[in-house]
PDB file of N, CA and C in Angstrom:
ATOM      1  N   MET A   1      -4.955 -16.714  -4.733  1.00  0.00           N
ATOM      2  CA  MET A   1      -6.209 -15.550  -4.925  1.00  0.00           C
ATOM      3  C   MET A   1      -5.125 -14.524  -5.400  1.00  0.00           C
ATOM      4  N   ILE A   2      -5.661 -13.683  -6.529  1.00  0.00           N
ATOM      5  CA  ILE A   2      -5.070 -12.857  -6.569  1.00  0.00           C
ATOM      6  C   ILE A   2      -6.171 -11.382  -6.206  1.00  0.00           C
ATOM      7  N   ILE A   3      -5.246 -10.791  -5.542  1.00  0.00           N
ATOM      8  CA  ILE A   3      -5.954  -9.370  -5.139  1.00  0.00           C
ATOM      9  C   ILE A   3      -5.526  -8.228  -6.305  1.00  0.00           C
ATOM     10  N   SER A   4      -6.699  -7.463  -6.185  1.00  0.00           N
ATOM     11  CA  SER A   4      -6.870  -5.805  -7.264  1.00  0.00           C
ATOM     12  C   SER A   4      -7.662  -4.948  -6.477  1.00  0.00           C
ATOM     13  N   PHE A   5      -6.658  -3.483  -6.273  1.00  0.00           N
ATOM     14  CA  PHE A   5      -6.995  -2.679  -6.025  1.00  0.00           C
ATOM     15  C   PHE A   5      -7.784  -1.863  -6.759  1.00  0.00           C
ATOM     16  N   ASN A   6      -8.374  -0.631  -6.895  1.00  0.00           N
ATOM     17  CA  ASN A   6      -8.787   0.406  -7.455  1.00  0.00           C
ATOM     18  C   ASN A   6      -8.130   1.555  -6.960  1.00  0.00           C
ATOM     19  N   PRO A   7      -7.089   1.921  -7.620  1.00  0.00           N
ATOM     20  CA  PRO A   7      -6.420   2.731  -6.686  1.00  0.00           C
ATOM     21  C   PRO A   7      -6.942   4.373  -5.695  1.00  0.00           C
ATOM     22  N   ILE A   8      -8.221   4.338  -6.606  1.00  0.00           N
ATOM     23  CA  ILE A   8      -8.851   5.858  -5.941  1.00  0.00           C
ATOM     24  C   ILE A   8      -8.990   5.541  -4.340  1.00  0.00           C
ATOM     25  N   ILE A   9      -8.958   3.943  -4.445  1.00  0.00           N
ATOM     26  CA  ILE A   9      -9.367   4.050  -2.607  1.00  0.00           C
ATOM     27  C   ILE A   9      -8.357   4.252  -1.578  1.00  0.00           C
ATOM     28  N   PHE A  10      -7.144   4.556  -2.429  1.00  0.00           N
ATOM     29  CA  PHE A  10      -5.931   5.436  -1.988  1.00  0.00           C
ATOM     30  C   PHE A  10      -5.798   6.855  -1.572  1.00  0.00           C
ATOM     31  N   GLN A  11      -6.628   7.538  -2.097  1.00  0.00           N
ATOM     32  CA  GLN A  11      -7.031   8.372  -1.855  1.00  0.00           C
ATOM     33  C   GLN A  11      -8.202   9.231  -0.992  1.00  0.00           C
ATOM     34  N   ASN A  12      -8.586   8.169  -0.742  1.00  0.00           N
ATOM     35  CA  ASN A  12      -9.869   8.505   0.413  1.00  0.00           C
ATOM     36  C   ASN A  12      -9.163   9.224   1.892  1.00  0.00           C
ATOM     37  N   GLN A  13      -9.942  10.412   2.383  1.00  0.00           N
ATOM     38  CA  GLN A  13      -9.032  10.831   3.039  1.00  0.00           C
ATOM     39  C   GLN A  13      -9.868  10.035   4.473  1.00  0.00           C
ATOM     40  N   ASP A  14     -10.820   9.422   4.606  1.00  0.00           N
ATOM     41  CA  ASP A  14     -11.509   8.809   6.010  1.00  0.00           C
ATOM     42  C   ASP A  14     -10.477   8.013   6.366  1.00  0.00           C
ATOM     43  N   ALA A  15      -9.997   8.557   7.708  1.00  0.00           N
ATOM     44  CA  ALA A  15      -9.066   8.023   8.346  1.00  0.00           C
ATOM     45  C   ALA A  15      -9.621   6.102   8.555  1.00  0.00           C
ATOM     46  N   GLY A  16     -10.723   6.050   8.617  1.00  0.00           N
ATOM     47  CA  GLY A  16     -10.747   4.368   9.062  1.00  0.00           C
ATOM     48  C   GLY A  16     -10.278   3.657   7.599  1.00  0.00           C
ATOM     49  N   ILE A  17     -11.053   4.594   6.755  1.00  0.00           N
ATOM     50  CA  ILE A  17     -10.414   3.420   5.868  1.00  0.00           C
ATOM     51  C   ILE A  17      -9.117   3.328   5.739  1.00  0.00           C
ATOM     52  N   GLN A  18      -8.295   4.201   5.934  1.00  0.00           N
ATOM     53  CA  GLN A  18      -6.936   4.321   5.457  1.00  0.00           C
ATOM     54  C   GLN A  18      -6.377   3.370   6.226  1.00  0.00           C
ATOM     55  N   ASP A  19      -6.710   3.370   7.835  1.00  0.00           N
ATOM     56  CA  ASP A  19      -6.223   2.160   8.456  1.00  0.00           C
ATOM     57  C   ASP A  19      -6.493   1.081   7.965  1.00  0.00           C
ATOM     58  N   ALA A  20      -7.709   0.601   7.361  1.00  0.00           N
ATOM     59  CA  ALA A  20      -8.075  -0.789   7.093  1.00  0.00           C
ATOM     60  C   ALA A  20      -6.978  -0.511   5.814  1.00  0.00           C
ATOM     61  N   LEU A  21      -6.895  -0.043   4.960  1.00  0.00           N
ATOM     62  CA  LEU A  21      -6.266  -0.281   3.471  1.00  0.00           C
ATOM     63  C   LEU A  21      -4.858  -0.593   4.738  1.00  0.00           C
ATOM     64  N   ALA A  22      -4.127   0.112   5.378  1.00  0.00           N
ATOM     65  CA  ALA A  22      -2.751  -0.040   5.792  1.00  0.00           C
ATOM     66  C   ALA A  22      -2.953  -1.776   6.372  1.00  0.00           C
ATOM     67  N   LYS A  23      -4.078  -1.827   7.457  1.00  0.00           N
ATOM     68  CA  LYS A  23      -3.885  -3.279   7.801  1.00  0.00           C
ATOM     69  C   LYS A  23      -3.818  -4.373   6.689  1.00  0.00           C
ATOM     70  N   ILE A  24      -4.439  -4.018   5.857  1.00  0.00           N
ATOM     71  CA  ILE A  24      -4.923  -5.226   4.524  1.00  0.00           C
ATOM     72  C   ILE A  24      -3.400  -5.116   3.948  1.00  0.00           C
ATOM     73  N   LEU A  25      -2.699  -4.026   3.867  1.00  0.00           N
ATOM     74  CA  LEU A  25      -1.458  -4.249   3.006  1.00  0.00           C
ATOM     75  C   LEU A  25      -0.507  -4.782   3.893  1.00  0.00           C
ATOM     76  N   ILE A  26      -0.378  -4.648   5.179  1.00  0.00           N
ATOM     77  CA  ILE A  26       0.143  -5.845   6.234  1.00  0.00           C
ATOM     78  C   ILE A  26      -0.319  -7.080   6.050  1.00  0.00           C
ATOM     79  N   ALA A  27      -0.889  -7.555   5.701  1.00  0.00           N
ATOM     80  CA  ALA A  27      -1.751  -8.430   6.463  1.00  0.00           C
ATOM     81  C   ALA A  27      -1.021  -9.758   4.865  1.00  0.00           C
ATOM     82  N   LEU A  28      -1.770  -8.701   3.872  1.00  0.00           N
ATOM     83  CA  LEU A  28      -0.872  -9.447   2.441  1.00  0.00           C
ATOM     84  C   LEU A  28       0.385  -9.394   2.178  1.00  0.00           C
ATOM     85  N   MET A  29       1.269  -8.704   3.319  1.00  0.00           N
ATOM     86  CA  MET A  29       2.781  -8.925   3.031  1.00  0.00           C
ATOM     87  C   MET A  29       3.465  -9.397   3.864  1.00  0.00           C
ATOM     88  N   GLU A  30       2.833 -10.540   5.188  1.00  0.00           N
ATOM     89  CA  GLU A  30       3.017 -10.757   6.152  1.00  0.00           C
ATOM     90  C   GLU A  30       2.706 -12.688   5.681  1.00  0.00           C
ATOM     91  N   THR A  31       1.221 -12.482   5.201  1.00  0.00           N
ATOM     92  CA  THR A  31       0.932 -14.127   4.873  1.00  0.00           C
ATOM     93  C   THR A  31       2.024 -14.333   3.344  1.00  0.00           C
ATOM     94  N   ASN A  32       1.802 -13.752   2.454  1.00  0.00           N
ATOM     95  CA  ASN A  32       2.906 -13.828   1.649  1.00  0.00           C
ATOM     96  C   ASN A  32       2.032 -15.167   0.632  1.00  0.00           C
ATOM     97  N   LEU A  33       0.487 -15.127   0.944  1.00  0.00           N
ATOM     98  CA  LEU A  33       0.240 -16.324   0.492  1.00  0.00           C
ATOM     99  C   LEU A  33      -0.784 -15.848  -1.045  1.00  0.00           C
ATOM    100  N   HIS A  34      -1.035 -14.193  -1.381  1.00  0.00           N
ATOM    101  CA  HIS A  34      -1.568 -14.158  -2.305  1.00  0.00           C
ATOM    102  C   HIS A  34      -0.694 -13.358  -3.592  1.00  0.00           C
ATOM    103  N   PHE A  35      -1.010 -13.322  -4.728  1.00  0.00           N
ATOM    104  CA  PHE A  35      -0.443 -12.321  -5.976  1.00  0.00           C
ATOM    105  C   PHE A  35      -1.496 -11.545  -5.710  1.00  0.00           C
ATOM    106  N   ILE A  36      -0.339  -9.812  -5.835  1.00  0.00           N
ATOM    107  CA  ILE A  36      -1.319  -8.878  -5.863  1.00  0.00           C
ATOM    108  C   ILE A  36      -1.275  -8.195  -7.429  1.00  0.00           C
ATOM    109  N   ASP A  37      -2.031  -7.317  -8.021  1.00  0.00           N
ATOM    110  CA  ASP A  37      -2.060  -7.242  -9.175  1.00  0.00           C
ATOM    111  C   ASP A  37      -1.198  -5.998  -9.442  1.00  0.00           C
ATOM    112  N   LEU A  38      -0.177  -5.418  -9.392  1.00  0.00           N
ATOM    113  CA  LEU A  38       0.398  -4.302  -8.828  1.00  0.00           C
ATOM    114  C   LEU A  38       0.030  -3.276  -9.967  1.00  0.00           C
ATOM    115  N   LYS A  39      -0.443  -3.469 -11.119  1.00  0.00           N
ATOM    116  CA  LYS A  39      -0.736  -2.860 -12.297  1.00  0.00           C
ATOM    117  C   LYS A  39      -1.942  -1.648 -11.457  1.00  0.00           C
ATOM    118  N   SER A  40      -2.969  -2.482 -10.859  1.00  0.00           N
ATOM    119  CA  SER A  40      -3.919  -1.883 -10.051  1.00  0.00           C
ATOM    120  C   SER A  40      -2.957  -0.905  -8.914  1.00  0.00           C
ATOM    121  N   ILE A  41      -2.192  -1.149  -8.650  1.00  0.00           N
ATOM    122  CA  ILE A  41      -1.906  -0.003  -7.785  1.00  0.00           C
ATOM    123  C   ILE A  41      -0.663   0.800  -7.760  1.00  0.00           C
ATOM    124  N   GLU A  42       0.203   0.626  -8.900  1.00  0.00           N
ATOM    125  CA  GLU A  42       1.372   1.057  -9.644  1.00  0.00           C
ATOM    126  C   GLU A  42       1.461   2.700  -9.314  1.00  0.00           C
ATOM    127  N   ALA A  43       0.576   3.269  -9.625  1.00  0.00           N
ATOM    128  CA  ALA A  43       0.691   4.541  -9.088  1.00  0.00           C
ATOM    129  C   ALA A  43       0.810   4.878  -7.625  1.00  0.00           C
ATOM    130  N   ILE A  44       0.112   4.207  -7.243  1.00  0.00           N
ATOM    131  CA  ILE A  44       0.214   4.619  -5.923  1.00  0.00           C
ATOM    132  C   ILE A  44       1.969   4.291  -5.260  1.00  0.00           C
ATOM    133  N   PHE A  45       2.678   3.106  -5.383  1.00  0.00           N
ATOM    134  CA  PHE A  45       3.385   2.985  -4.989  1.00  0.00           C
ATOM    135  C   PHE A  45       4.927   3.516  -5.595  1.00  0.00           C
ATOM    136  N   TYR A  46       4.740   3.624  -7.023  1.00  0.00           N
ATOM    137  CA  TYR A  46       6.009   4.182  -8.114  1.00  0.00           C
ATOM    138  C   TYR A  46       5.428   5.443  -8.583  1.00  0.00           C
ATOM    139  N   ASN A  47       6.485   6.178  -9.009  1.00  0.00           N
ATOM    140  CA  ASN A  47       5.991   7.404  -9.938  1.00  0.00           C
ATOM    141  C   ASN A  47       6.157   7.066 -11.289  1.00  0.00           C
ATOM    142  N   GLU A  48       5.961   7.878 -12.490  1.00  0.00           N
ATOM    143  CA  GLU A  48       6.436   7.744 -13.462  1.00  0.00           C
ATOM    144  C   GLU A  48       7.560   7.221 -14.218  1.00  0.00           C
ATOM    145  N   GLU A  49       8.688   7.813 -13.571  1.00  0.00           N
ATOM    146  CA  GLU A  49      10.514   7.473 -13.292  1.00  0.00           C
ATOM    147  C   GLU A  49      10.696   6.080 -13.151  1.00  0.00           C
ATOM    148  N   GLY A  50       9.725   5.696 -12.093  1.00  0.00           N
ATOM    149  CA  GLY A  50       9.312   3.821 -11.104  1.00  0.00           C
ATOM    150  C   GLY A  50      10.417   4.492  -9.888  1.00  0.00           C
ATOM    151  N   LYS A  51      10.087   5.588  -9.683  1.00  0.00           N
ATOM    152  CA  LYS A  51      10.879   5.814  -8.266  1.00  0.00           C
ATOM    153  C   LYS A  51       9.987   5.697  -6.872  1.00  0.00           C
ATOM    154  N   TYR A  52       9.756   4.618  -5.838  1.00  0.00           N
ATOM    155  CA  TYR A  52       9.442   4.799  -5.156  1.00  0.00           C
ATOM    156  C   TYR A  52       8.635   5.480  -4.551  1.00  0.00           C
ATOM    157  N   ILE A  53       7.724   5.887  -4.191  1.00  0.00           N
ATOM    158  CA  ILE A  53       7.048   6.884  -3.302  1.00  0.00           C
ATOM    159  C   ILE A  53       5.955   6.964  -2.763  1.00  0.00           C
ATOM    160  N   PHE A  54       5.551   5.622  -2.332  1.00  0.00           N
ATOM    161  CA  PHE A  54       4.647   5.256  -1.154  1.00  0.00           C
ATOM    162  C   PHE A  54       4.272   5.780   0.091  1.00  0.00           C
ATOM    163  N   ASP A  55       5.945   6.186   0.858  1.00  0.00           N
ATOM    164  CA  ASP A  55       6.699   6.668   1.604  1.00  0.00           C
ATOM    165  C   ASP A  55       5.539   8.015   2.420  1.00  0.00           C
ATOM    166  N   SER A  56       5.291   9.093   0.510  1.00  0.00           N
ATOM    167  CA  SER A  56       4.994  10.033   1.394  1.00  0.00           C
ATOM    168  C   SER A  56       3.464   9.914   1.062  1.00  0.00           C
ATOM    169  N   ASN A  57       3.037   8.547   1.059  1.00  0.00           N
ATOM    170  CA  ASN A  57       1.664   8.488   0.855  1.00  0.00           C
ATOM    171  C   ASN A  57       0.932   8.808   2.467  1.00  0.00           C
ATOM    172  N   VAL A  58      -0.592   9.743   2.650  1.00  0.00           N
ATOM    173  CA  VAL A  58      -1.108   9.793   4.094  1.00  0.00           C
ATOM    174  C   VAL A  58      -0.695   8.421   4.574  1.00  0.00           C
ATOM    175  N   ILE A  59      -1.612   7.426   4.075  1.00  0.00           N
ATOM    176  CA  ILE A  59      -1.343   5.598   4.487  1.00  0.00           C
ATOM    177  C   ILE A  59      -0.415   5.823   5.196  1.00  0.00           C
ATOM    178  N   ALA A  60       0.484   5.690   4.216  1.00  0.00           N
ATOM    179  CA  ALA A  60       2.113   4.942   4.674  1.00  0.00           C
ATOM    180  C   ALA A  60       2.466   5.611   6.196  1.00  0.00           C
ATOM    181  N   GLN A  61       2.270   7.546   5.863  1.00  0.00           N
ATOM    182  CA  GLN A  61       2.873   8.658   7.085  1.00  0.00           C
ATOM    183  C   GLN A  61       1.802   8.319   8.362  1.00  0.00           C
ATOM    184  N   LYS A  62       0.394   8.039   8.521  1.00  0.00           N
ATOM    185  CA  LYS A  62      -0.197   7.983   9.659  1.00  0.00           C
ATOM    186  C   LYS A  62      -0.865   6.818   9.729  1.00  0.00           C
ATOM    187  N   CYS A  63      -0.340   5.709   9.088  1.00  0.00           N
ATOM    188  CA  CYS A  63      -1.433   4.264   9.694  1.00  0.00           C
ATOM    189  C   CYS A  63       0.229   3.014   9.631  1.00  0.00           C
ATOM    190  N   LEU A  64       1.214   3.253   9.374  1.00  0.00           N
ATOM    191  CA  LEU A  64       2.069   2.717   9.339  1.00  0.00           C
ATOM    192  C   LEU A  64       3.197   2.907  10.147  1.00  0.00           C
ATOM    193  N   SER A  65       4.129   2.205  10.503  1.00  0.00           N
ATOM    194  CA  SER A  65       5.320   2.555  11.850  1.00  0.00           C
ATOM    195  C   SER A  65       6.666   2.536  10.461  1.00  0.00           C
ATOM    196  N   ALA A  66       7.427   3.399  10.716  1.00  0.00           N
ATOM    197  CA  ALA A  66       8.608   3.598   9.916  1.00  0.00           C
ATOM    198  C   ALA A  66       8.893   1.855   9.076  1.00  0.00           C
ATOM    199  N   ASN A  67       9.260   1.172  10.521  1.00  0.00           N
ATOM    200  CA  ASN A  67       9.549  -0.660  10.050  1.00  0.00           C
ATOM    201  C   ASN A  67       8.528  -0.887   9.072  1.00  0.00           C
ATOM    202  N   GLN A  68       7.276  -0.837   9.125  1.00  0.00           N
ATOM    203  CA  GLN A  68       5.872  -1.346   8.676  1.00  0.00           C
ATOM    204  C   GLN A  68       6.425  -0.913   7.014  1.00  0.00           C
ATOM    205  N   GLN A  69       6.589   0.600   7.097  1.00  0.00           N
ATOM    206  CA  GLN A  69       7.175   1.008   5.551  1.00  0.00           C
ATOM    207  C   GLN A  69       8.156   0.148   4.932  1.00  0.00           C
ATOM    208  N   LYS A  70       9.338   0.303   6.390  1.00  0.00           N
ATOM    209  CA  LYS A  70      10.260  -0.100   5.459  1.00  0.00           C
ATOM    210  C   LYS A  70      10.504  -1.690   4.814  1.00  0.00           C
ATOM    211  N   LYS A  71       9.404  -2.473   5.257  1.00  0.00           N
ATOM    212  CA  LYS A  71       9.473  -3.909   4.768  1.00  0.00           C
ATOM    213  C   LYS A  71       7.840  -4.070   3.765  1.00  0.00           C
ATOM    214  N   LEU A  72       7.669  -2.857   4.131  1.00  0.00           N
ATOM    215  CA  LEU A  72       6.137  -2.726   2.762  1.00  0.00           C
ATOM    216  C   LEU A  72       7.253  -2.444   1.143  1.00  0.00           C
ATOM    217  N   LYS A  73       7.925  -1.308   1.631  1.00  0.00           N
ATOM    218  CA  LYS A  73       9.012  -1.250   0.208  1.00  0.00           C
ATOM    219  C   LYS A  73       9.837  -2.727  -0.195  1.00  0.00           C
ATOM    220  N   GLU A  74      10.585  -3.372   1.167  1.00  0.00           N
ATOM    221  CA  GLU A  74      11.114  -4.501   0.446  1.00  0.00           C
ATOM    222  C   GLU A  74      10.357  -5.379  -0.575  1.00  0.00           C
ATOM    223  N   PHE A  75       9.014  -5.524   0.149  1.00  0.00           N
ATOM    224  CA  PHE A  75       8.003  -6.222  -0.076  1.00  0.00           C
ATOM    225  C   PHE A  75       7.486  -6.164  -1.794  1.00  0.00           C
TER     226      PHE A  75
END
């Protein structure tokens, strides 16, 4: 299955939605059975220079442990 995200959803400030997105990202990473359309969320994870920036995202800071953030970055 190919998973595609609408990047706007990552801007949502609702704590429940942020938590659900974090759980989805973790599940996708752990199962590794799906393809993720990276273009759909590229701006969430990387800046224009290609530097990884997801660690500064509210979802990463509030909903993911440091270990989960590290694993997601490596993924």
